C-alpha cells in the first residue's frame, strides 16, 4: 500500500512539475517580471529562506534557456490537434453531405422508363428521343451525386436541361422552358443537385397539378458577391404557410452544412402568381 501511495505521489508531483514548466514557457515576460517582483517582496516580508530566492531565479533561468523550445513544442502540439480536429470536422461534413445527397434521387426514372416502353409500341421515334434525353440526364446526374461542393453552374444547367427535355416529352405543349443564364457564370461554383431539386419541385407542385401546364424559367445573376439562381414557374403557387417538403428541407440542410450562414434558400410568390424559388451562395469560380 505504501509503495502504491508513493508512486501516486510521484506521478502527481511529475504532472504538477510539467504543468508549471508549460506555464513558465507560455507566460509573457511582463507578467513573469511582475510575478517575480511580487515573489521577492513576499519572501522578504515573510523572511523566507534563501532557497526561495534561488527558486525564483531558477524559474527565470528556465524560461530563458528552455522556455522558447517548450513554447514551440506546445504550439506544434496545439497546431497538430487543431489539424486533427479540422480533418475530423471535414470528414463529418462530407458524411453529412453524402447522407443528404443520398436522398436526392431521379424519382421520375421509373415513370420515364414506363413511358419509353409505351412509346416503343406507338411512336418509336419519340421513344428513341426520350431514351436519348434519359441517357444525357443520367450521364450528368450520376457523377454529380458523388460531389460535395465542387460542381459548376454550367453542370447544373446541363442536368436540368436534360431533365426538362424529358418532362417536355411527357407533358408536350403543357410545359414551356426558358433559360436566362449568362455564359460568364458558367464556371461559378454551385452545389450539385440543388437546382435539379428546385426544378423537380416546380414541375411536381406547380405545373403538373395545373390543367393547362405552364412555364418554368431558370435564371442566374450576381448581386453583392452572391450567385443567385432562381427557378420561377407560373403554376398553382406556393403557400407561405406551407411546410418544406423533403426536397426543400434537404436543400436548406445542405446549404447549412456547406456554407454555414453564408447561403440561403428563399421561396417567394411573384406578383403574377406562381412560385419563385432562389438559392443564394457565395460567388466563387471553380477551376477545372
Protein backbone atom coordinates (compact mmCIF):
# COMPACT_ATOMS: atom_id res chain seq x y z
CA UNK A 1 0.00 0.00 0.00
CA UNK A 2 2.86 2.39 0.93
CA UNK A 3 4.60 1.70 -2.39
CA UNK A 4 1.40 2.42 -4.34
CA UNK A 5 0.89 5.67 -2.43
CA UNK A 6 4.48 6.72 -3.11
CA UNK A 7 4.09 6.00 -6.82
CA UNK A 8 0.86 8.01 -6.98
CA UNK A 9 2.52 10.91 -5.16
CA UNK A 10 5.46 10.85 -7.58
CA UNK A 11 3.06 10.82 -10.54
CA UNK A 12 1.15 13.82 -9.19
CA UNK A 13 4.37 15.72 -8.49
CA UNK A 14 5.61 14.96 -12.01
CA UNK A 15 2.36 16.20 -13.51
CA UNK A 16 2.46 19.37 -11.43
CA UNK A 17 6.07 19.97 -12.45
CA UNK A 18 5.30 19.74 -16.17
CA UNK A 19 2.23 21.92 -15.76
CA UNK A 20 4.42 24.52 -14.05
CA UNK A 21 7.10 24.16 -16.76
CA UNK A 22 4.49 24.67 -19.50
CA UNK A 23 3.16 27.72 -17.69
CA UNK A 24 6.65 29.23 -17.47
CA UNK A 25 7.14 28.57 -21.20
CA UNK A 26 3.99 30.36 -22.36
CA UNK A 27 3.60 33.18 -19.80
CA UNK A 28 4.57 36.62 -21.13
CA UNK A 29 7.73 38.35 -19.92
CA UNK A 30 5.89 41.37 -18.44
CA UNK A 31 3.66 39.08 -16.38
CA UNK A 32 6.68 36.96 -15.44
CA UNK A 33 8.62 40.01 -14.25
CA UNK A 34 5.66 41.29 -12.22
CA UNK A 35 5.18 37.91 -10.51
CA UNK A 36 8.90 37.61 -9.74
CA UNK A 37 8.99 41.08 -8.14
CA UNK A 38 5.92 40.21 -6.10
CA UNK A 39 7.52 36.89 -5.03
CA UNK A 40 10.75 38.66 -3.95
CA UNK A 41 8.78 41.20 -1.91
CA UNK A 42 6.69 38.44 -0.34
CA UNK A 43 9.80 36.44 0.51
CA UNK A 44 11.38 39.48 2.16
CA UNK A 45 8.27 40.35 4.11
CA UNK A 46 7.85 36.78 5.39
CA UNK A 47 11.59 36.23 5.91
CA UNK A 48 11.53 33.09 3.79
CA UNK A 49 14.74 31.07 3.44
CA UNK A 50 17.24 31.85 0.69
CA UNK A 51 16.26 28.75 -1.25
CA UNK A 52 13.02 30.54 -2.11
CA UNK A 53 15.02 33.29 -3.84
CA UNK A 54 17.03 30.64 -5.66
CA UNK A 55 13.81 29.02 -6.89
CA UNK A 56 12.65 32.35 -8.32
CA UNK A 57 15.98 32.87 -10.09
CA UNK A 58 15.90 29.27 -11.37
CA UNK A 59 12.45 29.88 -12.82
CA UNK A 60 13.74 32.93 -14.70
CA UNK A 61 16.75 30.98 -16.00
CA UNK A 62 14.48 28.10 -17.01
CA UNK A 63 12.32 30.48 -19.06
CA UNK A 64 15.38 31.99 -20.74
CA UNK A 65 17.06 28.68 -21.60
CA UNK A 66 14.18 26.28 -22.24
CA UNK A 67 11.07 28.41 -22.49
CA UNK A 68 11.38 29.10 -26.23
CA UNK A 69 11.82 25.44 -27.13
CA UNK A 70 9.00 24.29 -24.89
CA UNK A 71 6.72 27.05 -26.18
CA UNK A 72 7.43 25.89 -29.74
CA UNK A 73 6.64 22.29 -28.75
CA UNK A 74 3.35 23.37 -27.17
CA UNK A 75 2.45 25.43 -30.25
CA UNK A 76 3.28 22.50 -32.54
CA UNK A 77 1.16 20.12 -30.45
CA UNK A 78 -1.75 22.57 -30.46
CA UNK A 79 -1.45 23.00 -34.23
CA UNK A 80 -1.46 19.23 -34.73
CA UNK A 81 -4.54 18.87 -32.53
CA UNK A 82 -6.30 21.65 -34.45
CA UNK A 83 -5.43 19.98 -37.74
CA UNK A 84 -6.79 16.67 -36.48
CA UNK A 85 -10.00 18.33 -35.29
CA UNK A 86 -10.39 20.14 -38.63
CA UNK A 87 -9.83 16.87 -40.51
CA UNK A 88 -12.48 15.15 -38.39
CA UNK A 89 -14.87 18.06 -38.97
CA UNK A 90 -14.28 17.85 -42.74
CA UNK A 91 -14.96 14.11 -42.71
CA UNK A 92 -18.11 14.71 -40.67
CA UNK A 93 -19.32 17.35 -43.15
CA UNK A 94 -18.58 15.03 -46.06
CA UNK A 95 -20.54 12.26 -44.35
CA UNK A 96 -23.46 14.62 -43.66
CA UNK A 97 -23.48 15.78 -47.28
CA UNK A 98 -23.34 12.19 -48.53
CA UNK A 99 -26.34 11.27 -46.36
CA UNK A 100 -28.30 14.30 -47.55
CA UNK A 101 -27.45 13.76 -51.21
CA UNK A 102 -28.44 10.12 -50.94
CA UNK A 103 -32.00 11.38 -50.52
CA UNK A 104 -31.84 13.12 -53.92
CA UNK A 105 -32.80 10.51 -56.49
CA UNK A 106 -34.21 10.78 -60.02
CA UNK A 107 -37.57 9.58 -58.75
CA UNK A 108 -39.06 10.15 -62.18
CA UNK A 109 -36.78 7.45 -63.63
CA UNK A 110 -39.32 4.62 -63.45
CA UNK A 111 -42.06 6.79 -64.94
CA UNK A 112 -39.74 7.71 -67.80
CA UNK A 113 -38.83 4.08 -68.46
CA UNK A 114 -42.52 3.18 -68.42
CA UNK A 115 -43.23 5.97 -70.93
CA UNK A 116 -40.47 4.72 -73.21
CA UNK A 117 -41.95 1.25 -73.01
CA UNK A 118 -45.35 2.56 -74.08
CA UNK A 119 -43.97 4.69 -76.93
CA UNK A 120 -41.92 1.82 -78.35
CA UNK A 121 -45.24 0.33 -79.49
CA UNK A 122 -46.98 3.55 -80.61
CA UNK A 123 -44.24 6.07 -81.51
CA UNK A 124 -40.76 4.52 -81.82
CA UNK A 125 -39.02 7.79 -82.93
CA UNK A 126 -40.37 9.62 -79.86
CA UNK A 127 -39.32 6.70 -77.64
CA UNK A 128 -35.81 6.97 -79.10
CA UNK A 129 -35.69 10.73 -78.40
CA UNK A 130 -36.77 10.29 -74.78
CA UNK A 131 -34.28 7.45 -74.39
CA UNK A 132 -31.53 9.77 -75.62
CA UNK A 133 -32.56 12.50 -73.17
CA UNK A 134 -32.61 9.97 -70.34
CA UNK A 135 -29.07 8.85 -71.12
CA UNK A 136 -27.94 12.51 -71.15
CA UNK A 137 -29.60 13.06 -67.80
CA UNK A 138 -28.03 10.02 -66.15
CA UNK A 139 -24.57 10.83 -67.56
CA UNK A 140 -24.84 14.22 -65.91
CA UNK A 141 -26.63 13.18 -62.71
CA UNK A 142 -24.62 10.18 -61.54
CA UNK A 143 -21.21 11.95 -61.24
CA UNK A 144 -22.83 14.96 -59.58
CA UNK A 145 -24.46 12.79 -56.93
CA UNK A 146 -20.93 11.96 -55.72
CA UNK A 147 -19.75 15.55 -55.48
CA UNK A 148 -19.78 17.67 -52.32
CA UNK A 149 -19.49 21.29 -53.38
CA UNK A 150 -17.10 21.36 -56.36
CA UNK A 151 -19.63 21.46 -59.19
CA UNK A 152 -20.19 24.38 -61.57
CA UNK A 153 -23.35 26.18 -62.51
CA UNK A 154 -22.92 25.04 -66.13
CA UNK A 155 -23.04 21.40 -64.99
CA UNK A 156 -26.23 22.04 -63.04
CA UNK A 157 -27.83 23.79 -66.02
CA UNK A 158 -26.89 20.86 -68.27
CA UNK A 159 -28.51 18.42 -65.84
CA UNK A 160 -31.70 20.47 -65.55
CA UNK A 161 -31.91 20.91 -69.30
CA UNK A 162 -31.73 17.13 -69.82
CA UNK A 163 -34.41 16.61 -67.17
CA UNK A 164 -36.70 19.25 -68.70
CA UNK A 165 -36.27 17.71 -72.15
CA UNK A 166 -37.72 14.50 -70.73
CA UNK A 167 -40.53 16.35 -68.97
CA UNK A 168 -41.38 18.24 -72.18
CA UNK A 169 -41.64 14.90 -73.98
CA UNK A 170 -44.10 13.77 -71.29
CA UNK A 171 -46.10 16.99 -70.88
CA UNK A 172 -45.90 18.10 -74.52
CA UNK A 173 -47.27 21.63 -75.04
CA UNK A 174 -48.20 21.89 -71.34
CA UNK A 175 -44.59 22.72 -70.49
CA UNK A 176 -42.55 25.66 -71.77
CA UNK A 177 -39.00 26.32 -70.62
CA UNK A 178 -36.66 29.32 -70.78
CA UNK A 179 -33.08 29.78 -69.56
CA UNK A 180 -31.57 33.15 -68.68
CA UNK A 181 -28.05 32.26 -67.58
CA UNK A 182 -25.13 34.48 -68.70
CA UNK A 183 -22.22 32.49 -70.09
CA UNK A 184 -19.85 34.40 -67.80
CA UNK A 185 -21.36 32.49 -64.86
CA UNK A 186 -20.76 29.02 -66.31
CA UNK A 187 -17.67 28.33 -64.18
CA UNK A 188 -19.19 29.69 -60.99
CA UNK A 189 -19.39 27.13 -58.19
CA UNK A 190 -22.85 25.80 -57.37
CA UNK A 191 -23.74 22.79 -55.18
CA UNK A 192 -24.71 19.67 -57.14
CA UNK A 193 -28.34 18.55 -57.47
CA UNK A 194 -29.85 21.62 -55.75
CA UNK A 195 -31.04 23.32 -58.92
CA UNK A 196 -32.39 19.97 -60.06
CA UNK A 197 -34.40 19.66 -56.84
CA UNK A 198 -35.96 23.10 -57.37
CA UNK A 199 -36.88 22.25 -60.96
CA UNK A 200 -38.45 18.93 -59.93
CA UNK A 201 -40.35 20.73 -57.16
CA UNK A 202 -41.69 23.32 -59.64
CA UNK A 203 -42.90 20.59 -62.01
CA UNK A 204 -44.45 18.37 -59.34
CA UNK A 205 -46.13 21.01 -57.16
CA UNK A 206 -46.52 23.92 -59.56
CA UNK A 207 -47.23 22.82 -63.14
CA UNK A 208 -48.40 19.19 -63.12
CA UNK A 209 -51.46 19.99 -60.93
CA UNK A 210 -52.38 22.78 -63.36
CA UNK A 211 -54.57 21.52 -66.21
CA UNK A 212 -53.04 23.73 -68.88
CA UNK A 213 -49.50 23.38 -67.52
CA UNK A 214 -47.29 26.44 -67.69
CA UNK A 215 -43.75 27.78 -67.95
CA UNK A 216 -40.53 27.37 -66.00
CA UNK A 217 -37.77 29.99 -66.19
CA UNK A 218 -34.27 29.30 -64.85
CA UNK A 219 -32.28 32.45 -64.18
CA UNK A 220 -28.88 33.28 -62.72
CA UNK A 221 -27.28 36.57 -61.72
CA UNK A 222 -24.69 38.14 -59.42
CA UNK A 223 -25.57 40.55 -56.62
CA UNK A 224 -23.28 41.72 -53.79
CA UNK A 225 -20.74 38.92 -54.29
CA UNK A 226 -23.52 36.34 -54.28
CA UNK A 227 -24.61 33.96 -57.02
CA UNK A 228 -28.40 33.91 -57.16
CA UNK A 229 -30.06 31.10 -59.09
CA UNK A 230 -33.85 31.27 -59.50
CA UNK A 231 -36.46 28.79 -60.65
CA UNK A 232 -39.66 30.66 -61.49
CA UNK A 233 -42.91 28.99 -62.52
CA UNK A 234 -46.44 30.22 -63.18
CA UNK A 235 -48.07 27.16 -61.66
CA UNK A 236 -50.67 26.81 -58.93
CA UNK A 237 -48.50 28.72 -56.47
CA UNK A 238 -46.91 28.13 -53.10
CA UNK A 239 -48.50 28.86 -49.76
CA UNK A 240 -46.11 30.80 -47.47
CA UNK A 241 -47.62 28.90 -44.53
CA UNK A 242 -46.82 25.51 -46.01
CA UNK A 243 -44.00 23.45 -44.50
CA UNK A 244 -40.96 22.48 -46.54
CA UNK A 245 -41.15 19.10 -48.19
CA UNK A 246 -38.24 16.65 -48.18
CA UNK A 247 -36.61 18.32 -51.21
CA UNK A 248 -36.63 21.88 -49.82
CA UNK A 249 -35.64 20.74 -46.32
CA UNK A 250 -32.78 18.80 -47.89
CA UNK A 251 -31.57 21.93 -49.72
CA UNK A 252 -31.69 24.06 -46.57
CA UNK A 253 -29.75 21.46 -44.59
CA UNK A 254 -27.09 21.02 -47.27
CA UNK A 255 -26.63 24.80 -47.59
CA UNK A 256 -26.15 24.98 -43.83
CA UNK A 257 -23.57 22.18 -43.90
CA UNK A 258 -21.68 23.61 -46.89
CA UNK A 259 -21.78 27.34 -46.18
CA UNK A 260 -22.92 27.90 -42.60
CA UNK A 261 -24.91 31.12 -42.55
CA UNK A 262 -23.50 32.41 -45.85
CA UNK A 263 -26.12 30.81 -48.11
CA UNK A 264 -29.90 30.56 -48.14
CA UNK A 265 -32.97 29.25 -49.93
CA UNK A 266 -35.82 31.74 -50.45
CA UNK A 267 -39.36 30.88 -51.53
CA UNK A 268 -41.41 33.83 -52.79
CA UNK A 269 -44.72 34.41 -54.56
CA UNK A 270 -44.26 36.69 -57.62
CA UNK A 271 -46.88 39.41 -58.28
CA UNK A 272 -48.19 37.47 -61.31
CA UNK A 273 -48.62 34.29 -59.28
CA UNK A 274 -46.77 31.00 -59.27
CA UNK A 275 -43.57 30.50 -57.30
CA UNK A 276 -40.04 31.85 -57.32
CA UNK A 277 -37.50 29.64 -55.53
CA UNK A 278 -33.98 31.06 -55.32
CA UNK A 279 -30.69 29.79 -53.92
CA UNK A 280 -28.10 32.35 -52.78
CA UNK A 281 -24.49 31.14 -52.40
CA UNK A 282 -21.13 32.96 -52.17
CA UNK A 283 -19.65 33.77 -55.58
CA UNK A 284 -16.70 31.52 -56.39
CA UNK A 285 -15.04 30.43 -59.63
CA UNK A 286 -14.30 26.70 -59.97
CA UNK A 287 -11.12 25.98 -61.91
CA UNK A 288 -11.35 22.71 -63.83
